[in-house]
Amino acid sequence: MQWFPYMSSASNKATAVSERSYHHGDLRRTLLEHGWDTVVEGGGKDISLREVARRAGVSPGAAFHHFRNKDALLAAVSVEGFARLTQIRQKRTRSVSDPREKLRIVLHAYVEFAIQYPAIFFLMFRYITTAPDDSGEVRMAALASFDVVRSAISDATGDERAESTLTVDAWAAWAAMHGAASLLATAGPRARVDPEISTGRLLERTVNMVLDGLACTY
């Protein structure tokens, strides 16, 4: 099937050369990166897989070979979002020895990510339950990020609570930080939820409430 019958033969050849220039597996990654940028630039507005293909310099047919539709691409962007969040947390805490400070950084990073990439942040949670794939990749990526929180809480508390209690505490901590992240990401990086309260103060207070709450279960 010829997607653009009105294209000149020279244009067709240029597109073919562009598509052949990618090594196996590279095009999917390229499309994913352009999909990420399109979501960020659009601020959460609807995107088109054809538009992402155009930005990548390939035909829609080449894009559909890797992502069967727009939802498949957005689900992959969501997986990428959780993966980047996990990497950020791991990188920032790699050289931190104090367990409580490590947990503080993990909690901070979540909200900071949401403020920096609000459109990606809301997309990630939209696709946890609505991803169009059977493999559950979005959910698995989300749980991998959750495990960073759970592990940090376990190290910070240093006790031997039941696994179920640790898991509940981790979910509660995530819920608290997600509330703050949602409020601040919606307000935008330059706006305040309350003109009387700085973003930094609100974030710090939320983190301290989580840390104090966990301390009560020692």
N, C-alpha and C. Protein backbone atom coordinates (compact mmCIF):
# COMPACT_ATOMS: atom_id res chain seq x y z
N MET A 1 0.85 -1.19 0.00
CA MET A 1 0.00 0.00 0.00
C MET A 1 0.88 1.24 0.00
N GLN A 2 0.58 2.20 -0.89
CA GLN A 2 1.34 3.43 -0.95
C GLN A 2 0.62 4.50 -0.15
N TRP A 3 1.27 4.97 0.91
CA TRP A 3 0.62 5.90 1.83
C TRP A 3 0.42 7.27 1.21
N PHE A 4 1.38 7.73 0.42
CA PHE A 4 1.28 9.06 -0.17
C PHE A 4 1.42 8.95 -1.69
N PRO A 5 0.35 8.62 -2.40
CA PRO A 5 0.43 8.42 -3.85
C PRO A 5 0.83 9.67 -4.60
N TYR A 6 0.66 10.83 -3.99
CA TYR A 6 0.97 12.08 -4.67
C TYR A 6 2.42 12.50 -4.49
N MET A 7 3.22 11.72 -3.74
CA MET A 7 4.62 12.07 -3.53
C MET A 7 5.41 11.84 -4.81
N SER A 8 6.40 12.68 -5.04
CA SER A 8 7.26 12.49 -6.19
C SER A 8 8.16 11.29 -5.97
N SER A 9 8.73 10.75 -7.03
CA SER A 9 9.62 9.61 -6.89
C SER A 9 10.85 9.98 -6.09
N ALA A 10 11.30 11.25 -6.23
CA ALA A 10 12.46 11.69 -5.46
C ALA A 10 12.16 11.69 -3.98
N SER A 11 10.93 12.12 -3.60
CA SER A 11 10.54 12.13 -2.19
C SER A 11 10.45 10.72 -1.65
N ASN A 12 9.90 9.81 -2.48
CA ASN A 12 9.80 8.41 -2.07
C ASN A 12 11.17 7.82 -1.81
N LYS A 13 12.12 8.14 -2.67
CA LYS A 13 13.47 7.62 -2.51
C LYS A 13 14.12 8.17 -1.25
N ALA A 14 13.88 9.47 -0.98
CA ALA A 14 14.46 10.09 0.21
C ALA A 14 13.92 9.44 1.47
N THR A 15 12.61 9.16 1.47
CA THR A 15 12.00 8.51 2.63
C THR A 15 12.56 7.12 2.82
N ALA A 16 12.71 6.39 1.70
CA ALA A 16 13.24 5.03 1.79
C ALA A 16 14.65 5.02 2.34
N VAL A 17 15.47 5.96 1.88
CA VAL A 17 16.84 6.05 2.38
C VAL A 17 16.85 6.37 3.86
N SER A 18 15.93 7.30 4.28
CA SER A 18 15.85 7.68 5.68
C SER A 18 15.49 6.48 6.53
N GLU A 19 14.54 5.68 6.06
CA GLU A 19 14.09 4.53 6.84
C GLU A 19 15.16 3.44 6.88
N ARG A 20 15.90 3.28 5.78
CA ARG A 20 16.93 2.24 5.77
C ARG A 20 18.12 2.63 6.63
N SER A 21 18.25 3.93 6.94
CA SER A 21 19.40 4.38 7.70
C SER A 21 19.36 3.92 9.15
N TYR A 22 18.20 3.47 9.62
CA TYR A 22 18.09 2.98 10.99
C TYR A 22 18.51 1.52 11.06
N HIS A 23 19.29 1.20 12.07
CA HIS A 23 19.62 -0.20 12.31
C HIS A 23 18.43 -0.87 12.96
N HIS A 24 18.45 -2.17 13.01
CA HIS A 24 17.34 -2.92 13.61
C HIS A 24 17.14 -2.48 15.06
N GLY A 25 15.93 -2.09 15.39
CA GLY A 25 15.60 -1.69 16.75
C GLY A 25 15.75 -0.20 17.00
N ASP A 26 16.54 0.49 16.18
CA ASP A 26 16.76 1.90 16.39
C ASP A 26 15.51 2.74 16.12
N LEU A 27 14.76 2.37 15.11
CA LEU A 27 13.60 3.17 14.73
C LEU A 27 12.56 3.20 15.84
N ARG A 28 12.33 2.08 16.50
CA ARG A 28 11.37 2.07 17.59
C ARG A 28 11.79 3.06 18.68
N ARG A 29 13.08 3.06 18.99
CA ARG A 29 13.57 3.97 20.02
C ARG A 29 13.44 5.42 19.56
N THR A 30 13.73 5.66 18.30
CA THR A 30 13.62 7.01 17.76
C THR A 30 12.17 7.50 17.81
N LEU A 31 11.24 6.65 17.43
CA LEU A 31 9.83 7.00 17.49
C LEU A 31 9.39 7.27 18.93
N LEU A 32 9.90 6.46 19.85
CA LEU A 32 9.56 6.64 21.26
C LEU A 32 10.05 8.00 21.77
N GLU A 33 11.26 8.36 21.39
CA GLU A 33 11.81 9.65 21.83
C GLU A 33 11.03 10.82 21.24
N HIS A 34 10.65 10.70 19.97
CA HIS A 34 9.84 11.75 19.35
C HIS A 34 8.44 11.78 19.97
N GLY A 35 7.94 10.61 20.34
CA GLY A 35 6.64 10.56 21.00
C GLY A 35 6.69 11.26 22.34
N TRP A 36 7.77 11.04 23.08
CA TRP A 36 7.98 11.71 24.38
C TRP A 36 7.98 13.23 24.18
N ASP A 37 8.78 13.69 23.21
CA ASP A 37 8.89 15.13 22.96
C ASP A 37 7.56 15.73 22.53
N THR A 38 6.80 14.98 21.74
CA THR A 38 5.51 15.47 21.26
C THR A 38 4.53 15.63 22.40
N VAL A 39 4.53 14.67 23.32
CA VAL A 39 3.64 14.75 24.50
C VAL A 39 4.05 15.94 25.37
N VAL A 40 5.34 16.10 25.59
CA VAL A 40 5.83 17.21 26.42
C VAL A 40 5.47 18.55 25.81
N GLU A 41 5.74 18.70 24.53
CA GLU A 41 5.48 19.97 23.85
C GLU A 41 4.00 20.27 23.74
N GLY A 42 3.19 19.21 23.61
CA GLY A 42 1.75 19.40 23.47
C GLY A 42 1.04 19.62 24.79
N GLY A 43 1.75 19.44 25.89
CA GLY A 43 1.14 19.66 27.19
C GLY A 43 -0.02 18.72 27.49
N GLY A 44 0.02 17.52 26.94
CA GLY A 44 -1.04 16.56 27.21
C GLY A 44 -2.12 16.53 26.15
N LYS A 45 -2.02 17.39 25.14
CA LYS A 45 -3.01 17.38 24.07
C LYS A 45 -2.87 16.12 23.22
N ASP A 46 -3.92 15.78 22.51
CA ASP A 46 -3.92 14.57 21.70
C ASP A 46 -2.81 14.64 20.66
N ILE A 47 -2.15 13.52 20.43
CA ILE A 47 -1.09 13.47 19.43
C ILE A 47 -1.45 12.46 18.35
N SER A 48 -0.73 12.51 17.26
CA SER A 48 -0.96 11.61 16.14
C SER A 48 0.29 10.79 15.88
N LEU A 49 0.11 9.49 15.65
CA LEU A 49 1.24 8.64 15.33
C LEU A 49 1.85 9.06 14.01
N ARG A 50 1.02 9.53 13.10
CA ARG A 50 1.53 10.03 11.82
C ARG A 50 2.43 11.25 12.02
N GLU A 51 2.05 12.12 12.95
CA GLU A 51 2.85 13.29 13.23
C GLU A 51 4.20 12.88 13.83
N VAL A 52 4.17 11.91 14.73
CA VAL A 52 5.42 11.42 15.31
C VAL A 52 6.30 10.81 14.24
N ALA A 53 5.70 10.06 13.31
CA ALA A 53 6.47 9.48 12.20
C ALA A 53 7.10 10.57 11.35
N ARG A 54 6.32 11.64 11.09
CA ARG A 54 6.83 12.76 10.29
C ARG A 54 8.04 13.39 10.97
N ARG A 55 7.94 13.56 12.28
CA ARG A 55 9.05 14.17 13.02
C ARG A 55 10.28 13.27 13.01
N ALA A 56 10.05 11.97 12.96
CA ALA A 56 11.17 11.02 12.93
C ALA A 56 11.75 10.87 11.53
N GLY A 57 11.04 11.44 10.54
CA GLY A 57 11.52 11.39 9.17
C GLY A 57 11.25 10.08 8.47
N VAL A 58 10.18 9.38 8.88
CA VAL A 58 9.83 8.11 8.25
C VAL A 58 8.36 8.13 7.85
N SER A 59 7.94 7.14 7.09
CA SER A 59 6.56 7.06 6.65
C SER A 59 5.68 6.52 7.77
N PRO A 60 4.38 6.78 7.73
CA PRO A 60 3.47 6.20 8.73
C PRO A 60 3.55 4.67 8.74
N GLY A 61 3.77 4.07 7.57
CA GLY A 61 3.87 2.62 7.51
C GLY A 61 5.00 2.08 8.36
N ALA A 62 6.12 2.79 8.35
CA ALA A 62 7.27 2.37 9.17
C ALA A 62 6.94 2.49 10.65
N ALA A 63 6.22 3.54 11.02
CA ALA A 63 5.83 3.73 12.42
C ALA A 63 4.86 2.66 12.87
N PHE A 64 3.89 2.34 12.01
CA PHE A 64 2.88 1.33 12.36
C PHE A 64 3.50 -0.06 12.48
N HIS A 65 4.67 -0.23 11.91
CA HIS A 65 5.35 -1.52 12.04
C HIS A 65 5.80 -1.75 13.48
N HIS A 66 6.09 -0.65 14.20
CA HIS A 66 6.56 -0.75 15.57
C HIS A 66 5.47 -0.48 16.61
N PHE A 67 4.51 0.37 16.26
CA PHE A 67 3.40 0.69 17.15
C PHE A 67 2.11 0.60 16.33
N ARG A 68 1.23 -0.31 16.73
CA ARG A 68 0.05 -0.55 15.89
C ARG A 68 -0.92 0.62 15.87
N ASN A 69 -0.84 1.47 16.86
CA ASN A 69 -1.69 2.66 16.88
C ASN A 69 -1.12 3.67 17.88
N LYS A 70 -1.81 4.80 17.99
CA LYS A 70 -1.35 5.87 18.88
C LYS A 70 -1.30 5.41 20.33
N ASP A 71 -2.29 4.63 20.76
CA ASP A 71 -2.31 4.18 22.15
C ASP A 71 -1.11 3.31 22.49
N ALA A 72 -0.69 2.50 21.53
CA ALA A 72 0.48 1.65 21.76
C ALA A 72 1.72 2.51 21.97
N LEU A 73 1.84 3.58 21.20
CA LEU A 73 2.97 4.49 21.37
C LEU A 73 2.90 5.20 22.71
N LEU A 74 1.72 5.68 23.09
CA LEU A 74 1.58 6.40 24.35
C LEU A 74 1.82 5.48 25.55
N ALA A 75 1.43 4.22 25.42
CA ALA A 75 1.70 3.26 26.48
C ALA A 75 3.21 3.08 26.64
N ALA A 76 3.92 3.04 25.51
CA ALA A 76 5.38 2.90 25.55
C ALA A 76 6.02 4.15 26.17
N VAL A 77 5.47 5.32 25.88
CA VAL A 77 5.96 6.56 26.49
C VAL A 77 5.74 6.51 28.00
N SER A 78 4.63 5.93 28.42
CA SER A 78 4.34 5.79 29.85
C SER A 78 5.35 4.88 30.52
N VAL A 79 5.67 3.78 29.87
CA VAL A 79 6.70 2.87 30.39
C VAL A 79 8.02 3.62 30.52
N GLU A 80 8.34 4.40 29.51
CA GLU A 80 9.57 5.19 29.53
C GLU A 80 9.56 6.18 30.69
N GLY A 81 8.39 6.76 30.97
CA GLY A 81 8.28 7.70 32.08
C GLY A 81 8.61 7.06 33.41
N PHE A 82 8.03 5.90 33.68
CA PHE A 82 8.33 5.20 34.93
C PHE A 82 9.79 4.76 34.98
N ALA A 83 10.32 4.34 33.83
CA ALA A 83 11.72 3.90 33.79
C ALA A 83 12.65 5.06 34.10
N ARG A 84 12.36 6.23 33.54
CA ARG A 84 13.21 7.40 33.80
C ARG A 84 13.11 7.83 35.26
N LEU A 85 11.91 7.77 35.81
CA LEU A 85 11.72 8.12 37.22
C LEU A 85 12.53 7.18 38.10
N THR A 86 12.49 5.90 37.80
CA THR A 86 13.26 4.92 38.56
C THR A 86 14.75 5.21 38.45
N GLN A 87 15.22 5.51 37.25
CA GLN A 87 16.64 5.79 37.04
C GLN A 87 17.07 7.05 37.78
N ILE A 88 16.22 8.07 37.77
CA ILE A 88 16.54 9.32 38.48
C ILE A 88 16.71 9.04 39.97
N ARG A 89 15.77 8.28 40.52
CA ARG A 89 15.83 7.96 41.95
C ARG A 89 17.09 7.17 42.28
N GLN A 90 17.40 6.20 41.46
CA GLN A 90 18.57 5.37 41.72
C GLN A 90 19.86 6.16 41.59
N LYS A 91 19.93 7.04 40.60
CA LYS A 91 21.12 7.84 40.38
C LYS A 91 21.35 8.81 41.53
N ARG A 92 20.27 9.45 41.99
CA ARG A 92 20.41 10.47 43.04
C ARG A 92 20.76 9.86 44.40
N THR A 93 20.42 8.60 44.60
CA THR A 93 20.65 7.98 45.91
C THR A 93 21.85 7.04 45.93
N ARG A 94 22.50 6.90 44.79
CA ARG A 94 23.58 5.92 44.67
C ARG A 94 24.70 6.14 45.69
N SER A 95 25.05 7.38 45.91
CA SER A 95 26.17 7.67 46.82
C SER A 95 25.71 8.16 48.19
N VAL A 96 24.42 8.02 48.48
CA VAL A 96 23.87 8.47 49.76
C VAL A 96 23.90 7.31 50.75
N SER A 97 24.51 7.52 51.89
CA SER A 97 24.64 6.44 52.87
C SER A 97 23.56 6.48 53.95
N ASP A 98 23.07 7.67 54.27
CA ASP A 98 22.06 7.79 55.32
C ASP A 98 20.70 7.34 54.79
N PRO A 99 20.11 6.30 55.38
CA PRO A 99 18.85 5.74 54.87
C PRO A 99 17.68 6.74 54.87
N ARG A 100 17.59 7.56 55.90
CA ARG A 100 16.49 8.52 55.97
C ARG A 100 16.64 9.59 54.89
N GLU A 101 17.87 10.03 54.66
CA GLU A 101 18.11 11.02 53.62
C GLU A 101 17.85 10.41 52.24
N LYS A 102 18.18 9.15 52.10
CA LYS A 102 17.92 8.45 50.84
C LYS A 102 16.43 8.41 50.55
N LEU A 103 15.63 8.12 51.56
CA LEU A 103 14.18 8.09 51.40
C LEU A 103 13.66 9.49 51.07
N ARG A 104 14.20 10.49 51.71
CA ARG A 104 13.79 11.88 51.44
C ARG A 104 14.01 12.22 49.96
N ILE A 105 15.16 11.83 49.44
CA ILE A 105 15.50 12.10 48.05
C ILE A 105 14.54 11.37 47.10
N VAL A 106 14.23 10.12 47.43
CA VAL A 106 13.31 9.32 46.62
C VAL A 106 11.94 9.99 46.55
N LEU A 107 11.46 10.48 47.68
CA LEU A 107 10.15 11.14 47.72
C LEU A 107 10.18 12.47 46.97
N HIS A 108 11.24 13.23 47.18
CA HIS A 108 11.39 14.51 46.48
C HIS A 108 11.40 14.32 44.97
N ALA A 109 12.14 13.33 44.51
CA ALA A 109 12.33 13.11 43.09
C ALA A 109 11.00 12.86 42.37
N TYR A 110 10.08 12.23 43.07
CA TYR A 110 8.77 11.93 42.48
C TYR A 110 8.03 13.21 42.11
N VAL A 111 7.97 14.15 43.04
CA VAL A 111 7.25 15.40 42.82
C VAL A 111 8.00 16.27 41.81
N GLU A 112 9.31 16.28 41.91
CA GLU A 112 10.11 17.08 40.98
C GLU A 112 9.94 16.59 39.55
N PHE A 113 9.85 15.28 39.37
CA PHE A 113 9.62 14.70 38.04
C PHE A 113 8.26 15.16 37.51
N ALA A 114 7.24 15.13 38.35
CA ALA A 114 5.89 15.53 37.95
C ALA A 114 5.85 16.99 37.54
N ILE A 115 6.57 17.84 38.26
CA ILE A 115 6.59 19.27 37.94
C ILE A 115 7.34 19.51 36.63
N GLN A 116 8.41 18.76 36.41
CA GLN A 116 9.21 18.94 35.20
C GLN A 116 8.51 18.39 33.96
N TYR A 117 7.80 17.26 34.12
CA TYR A 117 7.13 16.62 32.98
C TYR A 117 5.65 16.36 33.30
N PRO A 118 4.86 17.40 33.50
CA PRO A 118 3.46 17.20 33.91
C PRO A 118 2.65 16.37 32.92
N ALA A 119 2.81 16.61 31.63
CA ALA A 119 2.04 15.87 30.63
C ALA A 119 2.41 14.39 30.66
N ILE A 120 3.69 14.09 30.81
CA ILE A 120 4.15 12.71 30.90
C ILE A 120 3.63 12.08 32.19
N PHE A 121 3.71 12.82 33.27
CA PHE A 121 3.28 12.33 34.58
C PHE A 121 1.82 11.88 34.56
N PHE A 122 0.94 12.70 34.04
CA PHE A 122 -0.48 12.33 34.01
C PHE A 122 -0.74 11.21 33.00
N LEU A 123 0.04 11.19 31.92
CA LEU A 123 -0.10 10.11 30.94
C LEU A 123 0.26 8.77 31.57
N MET A 124 1.31 8.74 32.37
CA MET A 124 1.76 7.51 32.99
C MET A 124 0.65 6.84 33.78
N PHE A 125 -0.09 7.62 34.54
CA PHE A 125 -1.13 7.03 35.38
C PHE A 125 -2.41 6.77 34.61
N ARG A 126 -2.58 7.45 33.52
CA ARG A 126 -3.71 7.17 32.64
C ARG A 126 -3.57 5.79 32.03
N TYR A 127 -2.32 5.41 31.72
CA TYR A 127 -2.11 4.15 31.01
C TYR A 127 -1.79 2.96 31.92
N ILE A 128 -1.76 3.16 33.22
CA ILE A 128 -1.56 2.02 34.11
C ILE A 128 -2.69 1.01 33.94
N THR A 129 -3.91 1.51 33.83
CA THR A 129 -5.08 0.62 33.74
C THR A 129 -5.69 0.57 32.35
N THR A 130 -5.26 1.45 31.45
CA THR A 130 -5.88 1.47 30.12
C THR A 130 -4.91 1.15 29.00
N ALA A 131 -3.71 0.67 29.34
CA ALA A 131 -2.73 0.35 28.30
C ALA A 131 -3.29 -0.73 27.37
N PRO A 132 -3.13 -0.57 26.06
CA PRO A 132 -3.73 -1.49 25.10
C PRO A 132 -2.91 -2.75 24.84
N ASP A 133 -2.12 -3.20 25.80
CA ASP A 133 -1.33 -4.41 25.60
C ASP A 133 -1.65 -5.42 26.69
N ASP A 134 -1.39 -6.66 26.40
CA ASP A 134 -1.70 -7.74 27.33
C ASP A 134 -0.53 -8.04 28.26
N SER A 135 0.62 -7.45 27.99
CA SER A 135 1.80 -7.78 28.78
C SER A 135 1.87 -7.01 30.09
N GLY A 136 1.06 -5.95 30.20
CA GLY A 136 1.07 -5.16 31.42
C GLY A 136 2.38 -4.43 31.65
N GLU A 137 3.03 -4.00 30.58
CA GLU A 137 4.34 -3.36 30.70
C GLU A 137 4.28 -2.06 31.50
N VAL A 138 3.20 -1.29 31.35
CA VAL A 138 3.09 -0.04 32.09
C VAL A 138 2.99 -0.33 33.58
N ARG A 139 2.17 -1.29 33.93
CA ARG A 139 2.01 -1.63 35.34
C ARG A 139 3.32 -2.18 35.92
N MET A 140 4.02 -2.99 35.16
CA MET A 140 5.29 -3.54 35.65
C MET A 140 6.31 -2.44 35.86
N ALA A 141 6.33 -1.45 34.95
CA ALA A 141 7.25 -0.33 35.10
C ALA A 141 6.88 0.50 36.33
N ALA A 142 5.58 0.66 36.56
CA ALA A 142 5.12 1.41 37.74
C ALA A 142 5.52 0.68 39.01
N LEU A 143 5.38 -0.63 39.03
CA LEU A 143 5.72 -1.40 40.22
C LEU A 143 7.23 -1.40 40.47
N ALA A 144 8.02 -1.34 39.40
CA ALA A 144 9.48 -1.25 39.56
C ALA A 144 9.84 0.05 40.25
N SER A 145 9.14 1.14 39.89
CA SER A 145 9.36 2.42 40.54
C SER A 145 8.87 2.37 41.99
N PHE A 146 7.76 1.68 42.21
CA PHE A 146 7.23 1.50 43.56
C PHE A 146 8.21 0.74 44.44
N ASP A 147 8.89 -0.24 43.88
CA ASP A 147 9.84 -1.04 44.64
C ASP A 147 11.00 -0.19 45.17
N VAL A 148 11.34 0.88 44.45
CA VAL A 148 12.38 1.78 44.93
C VAL A 148 11.93 2.46 46.22
N VAL A 149 10.66 2.88 46.23
CA VAL A 149 10.09 3.51 47.43
C VAL A 149 10.04 2.50 48.57
N ARG A 150 9.55 1.33 48.28
CA ARG A 150 9.40 0.28 49.29
C ARG A 150 10.75 -0.08 49.91
N SER A 151 11.75 -0.21 49.07
CA SER A 151 13.09 -0.55 49.55
C SER A 151 13.67 0.58 50.40
N ALA A 152 13.45 1.82 49.96
CA ALA A 152 13.96 2.97 50.71
C ALA A 152 13.30 3.07 52.08
N ILE A 153 12.02 2.78 52.14
CA ILE A 153 11.30 2.81 53.43
C ILE A 153 11.81 1.70 54.34
N SER A 154 12.04 0.54 53.78
CA SER A 154 12.55 -0.57 54.57
C SER A 154 13.90 -0.23 55.18
N ASP A 155 14.78 0.39 54.39
CA ASP A 155 16.10 0.76 54.89
C ASP A 155 16.00 1.87 55.93
N ALA A 156 15.10 2.84 55.68
CA ALA A 156 14.99 4.00 56.57
C ALA A 156 14.40 3.63 57.92
N THR A 157 13.44 2.72 57.94
CA THR A 157 12.81 2.34 59.20
C THR A 157 13.67 1.36 59.97
N GLY A 158 14.36 0.49 59.26
CA GLY A 158 15.31 -0.42 59.89
C GLY A 158 14.70 -1.42 60.85
N ASP A 159 13.40 -1.63 60.77
CA ASP A 159 12.79 -2.61 61.68
C ASP A 159 12.44 -3.88 60.92
N GLU A 160 11.79 -4.77 61.60
CA GLU A 160 11.45 -6.05 60.98
C GLU A 160 9.93 -6.22 60.93
N ARG A 161 9.28 -5.24 60.37
CA ARG A 161 7.83 -5.33 60.24
C ARG A 161 7.44 -6.40 59.23
N ALA A 162 6.20 -6.82 59.31
CA ALA A 162 5.70 -7.80 58.36
C ALA A 162 5.74 -7.22 56.96
N GLU A 163 5.94 -8.07 55.97
CA GLU A 163 6.01 -7.62 54.59
C GLU A 163 4.75 -6.86 54.18
N SER A 164 3.61 -7.32 54.67
CA SER A 164 2.35 -6.66 54.31
C SER A 164 2.28 -5.25 54.88
N THR A 165 2.82 -5.05 56.09
CA THR A 165 2.83 -3.72 56.70
C THR A 165 3.75 -2.79 55.94
N LEU A 166 4.90 -3.30 55.54
CA LEU A 166 5.84 -2.51 54.75
C LEU A 166 5.22 -2.09 53.43
N THR A 167 4.50 -2.99 52.81
CA THR A 167 3.87 -2.69 51.53
C THR A 167 2.80 -1.62 51.69
N VAL A 168 1.99 -1.72 52.75
CA VAL A 168 0.95 -0.71 53.00
C VAL A 168 1.59 0.65 53.24
N ASP A 169 2.67 0.68 54.03
CA ASP A 169 3.36 1.94 54.29
C ASP A 169 3.90 2.55 53.00
N ALA A 170 4.42 1.70 52.12
CA ALA A 170 4.96 2.20 50.85
C ALA A 170 3.85 2.78 49.98
N TRP A 171 2.71 2.11 49.93
CA TRP A 171 1.57 2.63 49.16
C TRP A 171 1.08 3.94 49.76
N ALA A 172 1.05 4.02 51.09
CA ALA A 172 0.59 5.25 51.76
C ALA A 172 1.54 6.41 51.45
N ALA A 173 2.84 6.13 51.46
CA ALA A 173 3.82 7.16 51.14
C ALA A 173 3.66 7.62 49.69
N TRP A 174 3.46 6.66 48.80
CA TRP A 174 3.26 7.00 47.38
C TRP A 174 1.99 7.85 47.23
N ALA A 175 0.93 7.47 47.92
CA ALA A 175 -0.34 8.20 47.82
C ALA A 175 -0.17 9.65 48.26
N ALA A 176 0.55 9.85 49.35
CA ALA A 176 0.77 11.20 49.86
C ALA A 176 1.57 12.04 48.86
N MET A 177 2.64 11.46 48.33
CA MET A 177 3.47 12.20 47.39
C MET A 177 2.75 12.40 46.06
N HIS A 178 1.90 11.45 45.70
CA HIS A 178 1.15 11.58 44.44
C HIS A 178 0.16 12.74 44.54
N GLY A 179 -0.42 12.92 45.72
CA GLY A 179 -1.34 14.03 45.91
C GLY A 179 -0.63 15.35 45.73
N ALA A 180 0.53 15.49 46.35
CA ALA A 180 1.31 16.72 46.21
C ALA A 180 1.76 16.91 44.77
N ALA A 181 2.21 15.83 44.15
CA ALA A 181 2.69 15.92 42.77
C ALA A 181 1.57 16.34 41.82
N SER A 182 0.39 15.78 42.01
CA SER A 182 -0.75 16.12 41.14
C SER A 182 -1.13 17.58 41.27
N LEU A 183 -1.15 18.08 42.51
CA LEU A 183 -1.48 19.49 42.74
C LEU A 183 -0.44 20.41 42.09
N LEU A 184 0.82 20.12 42.32
CA LEU A 184 1.88 20.99 41.84
C LEU A 184 2.08 20.88 40.33
N ALA A 185 1.90 19.68 39.79
CA ALA A 185 2.04 19.52 38.34
C ALA A 185 0.90 20.21 37.60
N THR A 186 -0.28 20.20 38.20
CA THR A 186 -1.43 20.88 37.60
C THR A 186 -1.24 22.39 37.63
N ALA A 187 -0.68 22.89 38.73
CA ALA A 187 -0.46 24.32 38.87
C ALA A 187 0.59 24.82 37.90
N GLY A 188 1.57 23.96 37.59
CA GLY A 188 2.62 24.36 36.68
C GLY A 188 3.87 24.77 37.42
N PRO A 189 5.02 24.73 36.74
CA PRO A 189 6.31 24.99 37.40
C PRO A 189 6.45 26.41 37.94
N ARG A 190 5.72 27.36 37.41
CA ARG A 190 5.86 28.75 37.84
C ARG A 190 4.68 29.23 38.69
N ALA A 191 3.71 28.34 38.90
CA ALA A 191 2.53 28.72 39.67
C ALA A 191 2.58 28.12 41.06
N ARG A 192 1.74 28.63 41.93
CA ARG A 192 1.64 28.10 43.29
C ARG A 192 0.22 27.65 43.56
N VAL A 193 0.10 26.57 44.30
CA VAL A 193 -1.22 26.11 44.70
C VAL A 193 -1.88 27.17 45.57
N ASP A 194 -1.08 27.76 46.45
CA ASP A 194 -1.52 28.84 47.33
C ASP A 194 -0.50 29.96 47.22
N PRO A 195 -0.92 31.17 46.88
CA PRO A 195 0.04 32.27 46.72
C PRO A 195 0.83 32.59 47.98
N GLU A 196 0.33 32.10 49.13
CA GLU A 196 1.01 32.37 50.39
C GLU A 196 2.08 31.32 50.72
N ILE A 197 2.08 30.24 49.95
CA ILE A 197 2.98 29.13 50.26
C ILE A 197 3.83 28.80 49.03
N SER A 198 5.13 28.73 49.21
CA SER A 198 6.01 28.39 48.10
C SER A 198 5.91 26.90 47.79
N THR A 199 6.22 26.57 46.55
CA THR A 199 6.21 25.16 46.14
C THR A 199 7.19 24.34 46.97
N GLY A 200 8.36 24.91 47.21
CA GLY A 200 9.38 24.21 48.00
C GLY A 200 8.93 23.91 49.41
N ARG A 201 8.23 24.87 50.01
CA ARG A 201 7.77 24.68 51.39
C ARG A 201 6.70 23.60 51.45
N LEU A 202 5.79 23.62 50.48
CA LEU A 202 4.73 22.61 50.45
C LEU A 202 5.32 21.22 50.24
N LEU A 203 6.27 21.12 49.34
CA LEU A 203 6.91 19.83 49.07
C LEU A 203 7.63 19.32 50.30
N GLU A 204 8.41 20.19 50.92
CA GLU A 204 9.18 19.79 52.09
C GLU A 204 8.27 19.35 53.23
N ARG A 205 7.18 20.07 53.42
CA ARG A 205 6.24 19.73 54.49
C ARG A 205 5.60 18.37 54.23
N THR A 206 5.26 18.10 52.98
CA THR A 206 4.65 16.81 52.65
C THR A 206 5.63 15.67 52.90
N VAL A 207 6.87 15.87 52.49
CA VAL A 207 7.90 14.85 52.71
C VAL A 207 8.09 14.61 54.20
N ASN A 208 8.15 15.67 54.98
CA ASN A 208 8.35 15.53 56.43
C ASN A 208 7.17 14.81 57.09
N MET A 209 5.96 15.08 56.62
CA MET A 209 4.79 14.39 57.16
C MET A 209 4.88 12.88 56.90
N VAL A 210 5.34 12.53 55.71
CA VAL A 210 5.50 11.11 55.37
C VAL A 210 6.58 10.49 56.26
N LEU A 211 7.70 11.17 56.39
CA LEU A 211 8.80 10.64 57.21
C LEU A 211 8.38 10.51 58.68
N ASP A 212 7.66 11.52 59.19
CA ASP A 212 7.21 11.47 60.58
C ASP A 212 6.18 10.36 60.78
N GLY A 213 5.33 10.20 59.79
CA GLY A 213 4.31 9.15 59.89
C GLY A 213 4.94 7.77 59.91
N LEU A 214 5.96 7.57 59.11
CA LEU A 214 6.65 6.28 59.09
C LEU A 214 7.39 6.05 60.42
N ALA A 215 7.89 7.13 61.01
CA ALA A 215 8.61 7.01 62.28
C ALA A 215 7.70 6.51 63.39
N CYS A 216 6.41 6.79 63.27
CA CYS A 216 5.45 6.36 64.30
C CYS A 216 5.22 4.86 64.29
N THR A 217 5.68 4.19 63.24
CA THR A 217 5.45 2.74 63.14
C THR A 217 6.69 1.96 63.51
N TYR A 218 7.73 2.61 63.97
CA TYR A 218 8.96 1.91 64.36
C TYR A 218 8.68 0.93 65.49
